[in-house]
Structure formats: C-alpha cells, structure tokens
PDB file of N, CA and C in Angstrom:
ATOM      1  N   MET A   1      24.722  -1.320  -8.175  1.00  0.00           N
ATOM      2  CA  MET A   1      24.575  -1.372  -6.673  1.00  0.00           C
ATOM      3  C   MET A   1      25.500  -2.439  -6.239  1.00  0.00           C
ATOM      4  N   SER A   2      26.222  -2.287  -5.182  1.00  0.00           N
ATOM      5  CA  SER A   2      27.115  -3.172  -4.647  1.00  0.00           C
ATOM      6  C   SER A   2      26.453  -4.343  -3.933  1.00  0.00           C
ATOM      7  N   VAL A   3      27.209  -5.420  -3.693  1.00  0.00           N
ATOM      8  CA  VAL A   3      26.485  -6.552  -3.023  1.00  0.00           C
ATOM      9  C   VAL A   3      26.141  -6.180  -1.549  1.00  0.00           C
ATOM     10  N   VAL A   4      26.953  -5.407  -0.905  1.00  0.00           N
ATOM     11  CA  VAL A   4      26.723  -4.967   0.445  1.00  0.00           C
ATOM     12  C   VAL A   4      25.427  -4.036   0.465  1.00  0.00           C
ATOM     13  N   SER A   5      25.362  -3.082  -0.502  1.00  0.00           N
ATOM     14  CA  SER A   5      24.253  -2.258  -0.630  1.00  0.00           C
ATOM     15  C   SER A   5      23.002  -3.053  -0.878  1.00  0.00           C
ATOM     16  N   LYS A   6      23.068  -3.973  -1.770  1.00  0.00           N
ATOM     17  CA  LYS A   6      21.938  -4.740  -2.087  1.00  0.00           C
ATOM     18  C   LYS A   6      21.399  -5.525  -0.913  1.00  0.00           C
ATOM     19  N   THR A   7      22.406  -6.129  -0.116  1.00  0.00           N
ATOM     20  CA  THR A   7      22.074  -6.905   1.036  1.00  0.00           C
ATOM     21  C   THR A   7      21.375  -6.049   2.092  1.00  0.00           C
ATOM     22  N   PHE A   8      21.850  -4.796   2.171  1.00  0.00           N
ATOM     23  CA  PHE A   8      21.263  -3.844   3.154  1.00  0.00           C
ATOM     24  C   PHE A   8      19.825  -3.340   2.710  1.00  0.00           C
ATOM     25  N   TYR A   9      19.647  -3.171   1.428  1.00  0.00           N
ATOM     26  CA  TYR A   9      18.383  -2.583   0.907  1.00  0.00           C
ATOM     27  C   TYR A   9      17.292  -3.572   1.004  1.00  0.00           C
ATOM     28  N   LYS A  10      17.585  -4.804   0.803  1.00  0.00           N
ATOM     29  CA  LYS A  10      16.445  -5.814   0.760  1.00  0.00           C
ATOM     30  C   LYS A  10      15.589  -5.798   2.011  1.00  0.00           C
ATOM     31  N   PRO A  11      16.155  -5.967   3.236  1.00  0.00           N
ATOM     32  CA  PRO A  11      15.367  -5.911   4.393  1.00  0.00           C
ATOM     33  C   PRO A  11      14.707  -4.602   4.659  1.00  0.00           C
ATOM     34  N   LEU A  12      15.324  -3.463   4.272  1.00  0.00           N
ATOM     35  CA  LEU A  12      14.699  -2.155   4.386  1.00  0.00           C
ATOM     36  C   LEU A  12      13.511  -2.046   3.493  1.00  0.00           C
ATOM     37  N   SER A  13      13.673  -2.531   2.332  1.00  0.00           N
ATOM     38  CA  SER A  13      12.511  -2.568   1.352  1.00  0.00           C
ATOM     39  C   SER A  13      11.385  -3.417   1.889  1.00  0.00           C
ATOM     40  N   LEU A  14      11.667  -4.544   2.421  1.00  0.00           N
ATOM     41  CA  LEU A  14      10.659  -5.394   2.946  1.00  0.00           C
ATOM     42  C   LEU A  14       9.892  -4.730   4.112  1.00  0.00           C
ATOM     43  N   ALA A  15      10.628  -4.124   4.990  1.00  0.00           N
ATOM     44  CA  ALA A  15      10.043  -3.412   6.149  1.00  0.00           C
ATOM     45  C   ALA A  15       9.105  -2.278   5.738  1.00  0.00           C
ATOM     46  N   THR A  16       9.695  -1.540   4.768  1.00  0.00           N
ATOM     47  CA  THR A  16       8.800  -0.357   4.381  1.00  0.00           C
ATOM     48  C   THR A  16       7.538  -0.880   3.562  1.00  0.00           C
ATOM     49  N   SER A  17       7.680  -2.010   2.923  1.00  0.00           N
ATOM     50  CA  SER A  17       6.489  -2.573   2.209  1.00  0.00           C
ATOM     51  C   SER A  17       5.486  -2.993   3.274  1.00  0.00           C
ATOM     52  N   VAL A  18       5.835  -3.579   4.352  1.00  0.00           N
ATOM     53  CA  VAL A  18       4.897  -4.043   5.349  1.00  0.00           C
ATOM     54  C   VAL A  18       4.226  -2.861   5.917  1.00  0.00           C
ATOM     55  N   LEU A  19       5.048  -1.913   6.360  1.00  0.00           N
ATOM     56  CA  LEU A  19       4.469  -0.655   6.852  1.00  0.00           C
ATOM     57  C   LEU A  19       3.489   0.102   5.927  1.00  0.00           C
ATOM     58  N   GLY A  20       3.923   0.048   4.588  1.00  0.00           N
ATOM     59  CA  GLY A  20       3.040   0.643   3.615  1.00  0.00           C
ATOM     60  C   GLY A  20       1.705  -0.049   3.498  1.00  0.00           C
ATOM     61  N   GLY A  21       1.766  -1.419   3.641  1.00  0.00           N
ATOM     62  CA  GLY A  21       0.526  -2.184   3.564  1.00  0.00           C
ATOM     63  C   GLY A  21      -0.410  -1.867   4.711  1.00  0.00           C
ATOM     64  N   VAL A  22       0.192  -1.729   5.918  1.00  0.00           N
ATOM     65  CA  VAL A  22      -0.601  -1.326   7.080  1.00  0.00           C
ATOM     66  C   VAL A  22      -1.279   0.080   6.893  1.00  0.00           C
ATOM     67  N   ALA A  23      -0.355   1.024   6.438  1.00  0.00           N
ATOM     68  CA  ALA A  23      -0.896   2.362   6.209  1.00  0.00           C
ATOM     69  C   ALA A  23      -1.979   2.340   5.170  1.00  0.00           C
ATOM     70  N   ALA A  24      -1.747   1.636   4.074  1.00  0.00           N
ATOM     71  CA  ALA A  24      -2.757   1.606   3.010  1.00  0.00           C
ATOM     72  C   ALA A  24      -4.075   1.031   3.515  1.00  0.00           C
ATOM     73  N   GLY A  25      -4.064  -0.002   4.404  1.00  0.00           N
ATOM     74  CA  GLY A  25      -5.261  -0.653   4.917  1.00  0.00           C
ATOM     75  C   GLY A  25      -6.000   0.368   5.848  1.00  0.00           C
ATOM     76  N   ALA A  26      -5.222   1.158   6.585  1.00  0.00           N
ATOM     77  CA  ALA A  26      -5.862   2.144   7.413  1.00  0.00           C
ATOM     78  C   ALA A  26      -6.469   3.269   6.621  1.00  0.00           C
ATOM     79  N   VAL A  27      -5.751   3.745   5.562  1.00  0.00           N
ATOM     80  CA  VAL A  27      -6.246   4.778   4.765  1.00  0.00           C
ATOM     81  C   VAL A  27      -7.556   4.347   4.020  1.00  0.00           C
ATOM     82  N   PHE A  28      -7.503   3.131   3.501  1.00  0.00           N
ATOM     83  CA  PHE A  28      -8.690   2.619   2.817  1.00  0.00           C
ATOM     84  C   PHE A  28      -9.950   2.539   3.742  1.00  0.00           C
ATOM     85  N   GLY A  29      -9.574   2.010   5.016  1.00  0.00           N
ATOM     86  CA  GLY A  29     -10.720   1.871   5.915  1.00  0.00           C
ATOM     87  C   GLY A  29     -11.313   3.195   6.311  1.00  0.00           C
ATOM     88  N   GLN A  30     -10.498   4.250   6.451  1.00  0.00           N
ATOM     89  CA  GLN A  30     -11.044   5.618   6.715  1.00  0.00           C
ATOM     90  C   GLN A  30     -11.917   6.107   5.560  1.00  0.00           C
ATOM     91  N   ILE A  31     -11.335   5.931   4.385  1.00  0.00           N
ATOM     92  CA  ILE A  31     -12.035   6.423   3.221  1.00  0.00           C
ATOM     93  C   ILE A  31     -13.467   5.719   3.102  1.00  0.00           C
ATOM     94  N   TRP A  32     -13.392   4.441   3.221  1.00  0.00           N
ATOM     95  CA  TRP A  32     -14.646   3.628   3.080  1.00  0.00           C
ATOM     96  C   TRP A  32     -15.690   3.994   4.107  1.00  0.00           C
ATOM     97  N   LYS A  33     -15.273   4.257   5.320  1.00  0.00           N
ATOM     98  CA  LYS A  33     -16.195   4.727   6.316  1.00  0.00           C
ATOM     99  C   LYS A  33     -16.797   6.033   5.971  1.00  0.00           C
ATOM    100  N   ARG A  34     -16.153   6.892   5.314  1.00  0.00           N
ATOM    101  CA  ARG A  34     -16.735   8.216   4.965  1.00  0.00           C
ATOM    102  C   ARG A  34     -17.631   8.166   3.755  1.00  0.00           C
ATOM    103  N   ILE A  35     -17.387   7.184   2.911  1.00  0.00           N
ATOM    104  CA  ILE A  35     -18.231   7.190   1.664  1.00  0.00           C
ATOM    105  C   ILE A  35     -19.327   6.123   1.704  1.00  0.00           C
ATOM    106  N   SER A  36     -19.304   5.325   2.665  1.00  0.00           N
ATOM    107  CA  SER A  36     -20.398   4.210   2.643  1.00  0.00           C
ATOM    108  C   SER A  36     -21.256   4.268   3.962  1.00  0.00           C
ATOM    109  N   ASP A  37     -22.402   3.784   3.782  1.00  0.00           N
ATOM    110  CA  ASP A  37     -23.305   3.719   4.997  1.00  0.00           C
ATOM    111  C   ASP A  37     -22.858   2.648   5.933  1.00  0.00           C
ATOM    112  N   ASP A  38     -22.284   1.636   5.389  1.00  0.00           N
ATOM    113  CA  ASP A  38     -21.773   0.457   6.217  1.00  0.00           C
ATOM    114  C   ASP A  38     -20.170   0.623   6.446  1.00  0.00           C
ATOM    115  N   PRO A  39     -19.729   0.764   7.692  1.00  0.00           N
ATOM    116  CA  PRO A  39     -18.317   0.916   7.818  1.00  0.00           C
ATOM    117  C   PRO A  39     -17.426  -0.259   7.460  1.00  0.00           C
ATOM    118  N   ASP A  40     -18.037  -1.350   7.426  1.00  0.00           N
ATOM    119  CA  ASP A  40     -17.342  -2.561   7.080  1.00  0.00           C
ATOM    120  C   ASP A  40     -17.251  -2.727   5.521  1.00  0.00           C
ATOM    121  N   THR A  41     -16.056  -3.053   5.037  1.00  0.00           N
ATOM    122  CA  THR A  41     -15.887  -3.245   3.593  1.00  0.00           C
ATOM    123  C   THR A  41     -16.703  -4.485   3.180  1.00  0.00           C
ATOM    124  N   PRO A  42     -17.279  -4.474   1.952  1.00  0.00           N
ATOM    125  CA  PRO A  42     -18.018  -5.645   1.563  1.00  0.00           C
ATOM    126  C   PRO A  42     -17.045  -6.801   1.207  1.00  0.00           C
ATOM    127  N   ASP A  43     -17.517  -7.986   1.599  1.00  0.00           N
ATOM    128  CA  ASP A  43     -16.836  -9.246   1.236  1.00  0.00           C
ATOM    129  C   ASP A  43     -17.421  -9.688  -0.090  1.00  0.00           C
ATOM    130  N   PRO A  44     -16.592  -9.954  -1.077  1.00  0.00           N
ATOM    131  CA  PRO A  44     -17.103 -10.297  -2.388  1.00  0.00           C
ATOM    132  C   PRO A  44     -17.997 -11.508  -2.344  1.00  0.00           C
ATOM    133  N   LYS A  45     -17.943 -12.304  -1.318  1.00  0.00           N
ATOM    134  CA  LYS A  45     -18.771 -13.541  -1.261  1.00  0.00           C
ATOM    135  C   LYS A  45     -20.135 -13.331  -0.646  1.00  0.00           C
ATOM    136  N   ASP A  46     -20.193 -12.140  -0.009  1.00  0.00           N
ATOM    137  CA  ASP A  46     -21.453 -11.749   0.692  1.00  0.00           C
ATOM    138  C   ASP A  46     -22.474 -11.326  -0.361  1.00  0.00           C
ATOM    139  N   LEU A  47     -23.421 -12.176  -0.754  1.00  0.00           N
ATOM    140  CA  LEU A  47     -24.344 -11.981  -1.864  1.00  0.00           C
ATOM    141  C   LEU A  47     -25.433 -10.961  -1.514  1.00  0.00           C
ATOM    142  N   ARG A  48     -25.513 -10.580  -0.192  1.00  0.00           N
ATOM    143  CA  ARG A  48     -26.463  -9.599   0.239  1.00  0.00           C
ATOM    144  C   ARG A  48     -25.935  -8.155  -0.193  1.00  0.00           C
ATOM    145  N   ARG A  49     -24.659  -7.989  -0.509  1.00  0.00           N
ATOM    146  CA  ARG A  49     -24.152  -6.689  -0.993  1.00  0.00           C
ATOM    147  C   ARG A  49     -24.250  -6.638  -2.463  1.00  0.00           C
ATOM    148  N   SER A  50     -24.420  -5.457  -2.978  1.00  0.00           N
ATOM    149  CA  SER A  50     -24.658  -5.310  -4.408  1.00  0.00           C
ATOM    150  C   SER A  50     -23.297  -5.466  -5.167  1.00  0.00           C
ATOM    151  N   ASN A  51     -23.439  -5.924  -6.466  1.00  0.00           N
ATOM    152  CA  ASN A  51     -22.251  -5.917  -7.303  1.00  0.00           C
ATOM    153  C   ASN A  51     -21.500  -4.667  -7.385  1.00  0.00           C
ATOM    154  N   GLY A  52     -22.188  -3.554  -7.509  1.00  0.00           N
ATOM    155  CA  GLY A  52     -21.634  -2.277  -7.632  1.00  0.00           C
ATOM    156  C   GLY A  52     -20.863  -1.857  -6.386  1.00  0.00           C
ATOM    157  N   GLU A  53     -21.443  -2.183  -5.270  1.00  0.00           N
ATOM    158  CA  GLU A  53     -20.758  -1.821  -3.993  1.00  0.00           C
ATOM    159  C   GLU A  53     -19.473  -2.753  -3.775  1.00  0.00           C
ATOM    160  N   VAL A  54     -19.563  -4.001  -4.147  1.00  0.00           N
ATOM    161  CA  VAL A  54     -18.385  -4.909  -4.027  1.00  0.00           C
ATOM    162  C   VAL A  54     -17.255  -4.387  -4.922  1.00  0.00           C
ATOM    163  N   LEU A  55     -17.633  -4.150  -6.256  1.00  0.00           N
ATOM    164  CA  LEU A  55     -16.668  -3.749  -7.219  1.00  0.00           C
ATOM    165  C   LEU A  55     -16.061  -2.427  -6.978  1.00  0.00           C
ATOM    166  N   ALA A  56     -16.906  -1.483  -6.529  1.00  0.00           N
ATOM    167  CA  ALA A  56     -16.410  -0.175  -6.201  1.00  0.00           C
ATOM    168  C   ALA A  56     -15.390  -0.225  -4.962  1.00  0.00           C
ATOM    169  N   ALA A  57     -15.661  -1.021  -4.058  1.00  0.00           N
ATOM    170  CA  ALA A  57     -14.792  -1.176  -2.903  1.00  0.00           C
ATOM    171  C   ALA A  57     -13.451  -1.802  -3.276  1.00  0.00           C
ATOM    172  N   ALA A  58     -13.528  -2.807  -4.277  1.00  0.00           N
ATOM    173  CA  ALA A  58     -12.288  -3.500  -4.752  1.00  0.00           C
ATOM    174  C   ALA A  58     -11.470  -2.486  -5.554  1.00  0.00           C
ATOM    175  N   ALA A  59     -12.106  -1.612  -6.335  1.00  0.00           N
ATOM    176  CA  ALA A  59     -11.410  -0.746  -7.253  1.00  0.00           C
ATOM    177  C   ALA A  59     -10.766   0.363  -6.291  1.00  0.00           C
ATOM    178  N   LEU A  60     -11.451   0.860  -5.284  1.00  0.00           N
ATOM    179  CA  LEU A  60     -10.919   1.809  -4.403  1.00  0.00           C
ATOM    180  C   LEU A  60      -9.771   1.310  -3.532  1.00  0.00           C
ATOM    181  N   GLN A  61      -9.926   0.052  -3.180  1.00  0.00           N
ATOM    182  CA  GLN A  61      -8.823  -0.557  -2.389  1.00  0.00           C
ATOM    183  C   GLN A  61      -7.650  -0.757  -3.248  1.00  0.00           C
ATOM    184  N   GLY A  62      -7.700  -1.146  -4.438  1.00  0.00           N
ATOM    185  CA  GLY A  62      -6.603  -1.297  -5.385  1.00  0.00           C
ATOM    186  C   GLY A  62      -5.977   0.068  -5.637  1.00  0.00           C
ATOM    187  N   LEU A  63      -6.721   1.047  -5.870  1.00  0.00           N
ATOM    188  CA  LEU A  63      -6.245   2.409  -6.103  1.00  0.00           C
ATOM    189  C   LEU A  63      -5.375   2.886  -4.805  1.00  0.00           C
ATOM    190  N   VAL A  64      -5.929   2.774  -3.700  1.00  0.00           N
ATOM    191  CA  VAL A  64      -5.239   3.196  -2.439  1.00  0.00           C
ATOM    192  C   VAL A  64      -4.063   2.415  -2.270  1.00  0.00           C
ATOM    193  N   PHE A  65      -4.010   1.056  -2.317  1.00  0.00           N
ATOM    194  CA  PHE A  65      -2.916   0.265  -2.121  1.00  0.00           C
ATOM    195  C   PHE A  65      -1.792   0.638  -3.153  1.00  0.00           C
ATOM    196  N   GLY A  66      -2.213   0.792  -4.393  1.00  0.00           N
ATOM    197  CA  GLY A  66      -1.208   1.152  -5.341  1.00  0.00           C
ATOM    198  C   GLY A  66      -0.536   2.469  -5.105  1.00  0.00           C
ATOM    199  N   LEU A  67      -1.340   3.516  -4.824  1.00  0.00           N
ATOM    200  CA  LEU A  67      -0.766   4.777  -4.544  1.00  0.00           C
ATOM    201  C   LEU A  67       0.160   4.808  -3.390  1.00  0.00           C
ATOM    202  N   VAL A  68      -0.289   4.112  -2.266  1.00  0.00           N
ATOM    203  CA  VAL A  68       0.451   4.152  -1.025  1.00  0.00           C
ATOM    204  C   VAL A  68       1.782   3.342  -1.112  1.00  0.00           C
ATOM    205  N   ARG A  69       1.657   2.174  -1.962  1.00  0.00           N
ATOM    206  CA  ARG A  69       2.787   1.407  -2.182  1.00  0.00           C
ATOM    207  C   ARG A  69       3.874   2.196  -3.007  1.00  0.00           C
ATOM    208  N   ALA A  70       3.467   2.895  -4.078  1.00  0.00           N
ATOM    209  CA  ALA A  70       4.293   3.603  -4.891  1.00  0.00           C
ATOM    210  C   ALA A  70       4.926   4.754  -4.102  1.00  0.00           C
ATOM    211  N   ALA A  71       4.166   5.421  -3.258  1.00  0.00           N
ATOM    212  CA  ALA A  71       4.712   6.500  -2.428  1.00  0.00           C
ATOM    213  C   ALA A  71       5.676   5.973  -1.432  1.00  0.00           C
ATOM    214  N   VAL A  72       5.429   4.947  -0.771  1.00  0.00           N
ATOM    215  CA  VAL A  72       6.379   4.341   0.178  1.00  0.00           C
ATOM    216  C   VAL A  72       7.530   3.870  -0.471  1.00  0.00           C
ATOM    217  N   ASP A  73       7.415   3.131  -1.564  1.00  0.00           N
ATOM    218  CA  ASP A  73       8.666   2.594  -2.312  1.00  0.00           C
ATOM    219  C   ASP A  73       9.558   3.796  -2.774  1.00  0.00           C
ATOM    220  N   ARG A  74       8.906   4.848  -3.352  1.00  0.00           N
ATOM    221  CA  ARG A  74       9.615   5.915  -3.768  1.00  0.00           C
ATOM    222  C   ARG A  74      10.377   6.662  -2.636  1.00  0.00           C
ATOM    223  N   ALA A  75       9.729   6.918  -1.552  1.00  0.00           N
ATOM    224  CA  ALA A  75      10.345   7.491  -0.399  1.00  0.00           C
ATOM    225  C   ALA A  75      11.455   6.652   0.179  1.00  0.00           C
ATOM    226  N   GLY A  76      11.355   5.390   0.230  1.00  0.00           N
ATOM    227  CA  GLY A  76      12.326   4.491   0.679  1.00  0.00           C
ATOM    228  C   GLY A  76      13.544   4.476  -0.258  1.00  0.00           C
ATOM    229  N   ALA A  77      13.355   4.543  -1.593  1.00  0.00           N
ATOM    230  CA  ALA A  77      14.415   4.611  -2.515  1.00  0.00           C
ATOM    231  C   ALA A  77      15.195   5.996  -2.365  1.00  0.00           C
ATOM    232  N   LYS A  78      14.381   7.057  -2.254  1.00  0.00           N
ATOM    233  CA  LYS A  78      14.997   8.332  -2.048  1.00  0.00           C
ATOM    234  C   LYS A  78      15.851   8.458  -0.770  1.00  0.00           C
ATOM    235  N   GLY A  79      15.290   7.915   0.218  1.00  0.00           N
ATOM    236  CA  GLY A  79      15.963   7.906   1.524  1.00  0.00           C
ATOM    237  C   GLY A  79      17.227   7.043   1.534  1.00  0.00           C
ATOM    238  N   TYR A  80      17.145   5.905   0.834  1.00  0.00           N
ATOM    239  CA  TYR A  80      18.345   5.042   0.669  1.00  0.00           C
ATOM    240  C   TYR A  80      19.455   5.739  -0.104  1.00  0.00           C
ATOM    241  N   ARG A  81      19.016   6.432  -1.176  1.00  0.00           N
ATOM    242  CA  ARG A  81      19.976   7.166  -2.047  1.00  0.00           C
ATOM    243  C   ARG A  81      20.602   8.324  -1.195  1.00  0.00           C
ATOM    244  N   ALA A  82      19.895   8.932  -0.360  1.00  0.00           N
ATOM    245  CA  ALA A  82      20.409  10.045   0.470  1.00  0.00           C
ATOM    246  C   ALA A  82      21.456   9.557   1.410  1.00  0.00           C
ATOM    247  N   VAL A  83      21.201   8.360   1.979  1.00  0.00           N
ATOM    248  CA  VAL A  83      22.181   7.817   2.882  1.00  0.00           C
ATOM    249  C   VAL A  83      23.365   7.202   2.291  1.00  0.00           C
ATOM    250  N   THR A  84      23.228   6.446   1.149  1.00  0.00           N
ATOM    251  CA  THR A  84      24.361   5.641   0.610  1.00  0.00           C
ATOM    252  C   THR A  84      24.862   6.234  -0.670  1.00  0.00           C
ATOM    253  N   HIS A  85      24.227   7.252  -1.212  1.00  0.00           N
ATOM    254  CA  HIS A  85      24.606   7.885  -2.452  1.00  0.00           C
ATOM    255  C   HIS A  85      24.645   6.922  -3.666  1.00  0.00           C
ATOM    256  N   GLU A  86      23.759   5.873  -3.552  1.00  0.00           N
ATOM    257  CA  GLU A  86      23.649   4.957  -4.642  1.00  0.00           C
ATOM    258  C   GLU A  86      22.181   4.685  -4.852  1.00  0.00           C
ATOM    259  N   ASP A  87      21.824   4.529  -6.146  1.00  0.00           N
ATOM    260  CA  ASP A  87      20.402   4.123  -6.467  1.00  0.00           C
ATOM    261  C   ASP A  87      20.201   2.654  -6.060  1.00  0.00           C
ATOM    262  N   PRO A  88      18.956   2.495  -5.451  1.00  0.00           N
ATOM    263  CA  PRO A  88      18.607   1.072  -5.050  1.00  0.00           C
ATOM    264  C   PRO A  88      18.257   0.077  -6.224  1.00  0.00           C
ATOM    265  N   SER A  89      18.190   0.498  -7.406  1.00  0.00           N
ATOM    266  CA  SER A  89      17.814  -0.396  -8.465  1.00  0.00           C
ATOM    267  C   SER A  89      19.009  -1.148  -9.107  1.00  0.00           C
TER     268      SER A  89
END
C-alpha cells in the first residue's frame, strides 16, 4: 500500500469503526430487549442482578460487537479496494 493510500485509509477506517460501534450498540440493545424481561442491560456491579444474567449479557454483547466490527471492517476493506484497486493491509 502506498503512503498516500495508507494516509487516506486510516481516517476512513476510524470513521467506519465508530459507526460500527454505534450500530453494534443499537443491535445489542434491540436483541437484549427481546430476550430479557428488563430492557436495560445489567450493570456488572449491580448485585441485584444474577451472575448468569450479567455474564450472558456480557457474552452476547461481545459476540454482537465482534460480528458487527468484523462485518464493518470487511465491508470497508472491500469498498476501499473497489475504489483504489489496492488492498488496505
């Protein structure tokens, strides 16, 4: 990757990462509302919530964020390659 391409890709990658984080948060919130009686995600320090509920929410959140981040990064890399005809790595 050329220096110009690398300079162009970094801010694009940062912007897509931020948007991916926002999208992942929204997706996780919607999933949690549908599977839990309480629409608010459990705070790990809230001792009134069960260990199972807190750990399940954390695992689900990690899964959703990982999947969305990978999908967004992959789409950004493919889009970058389509425009510049260079791989972003």
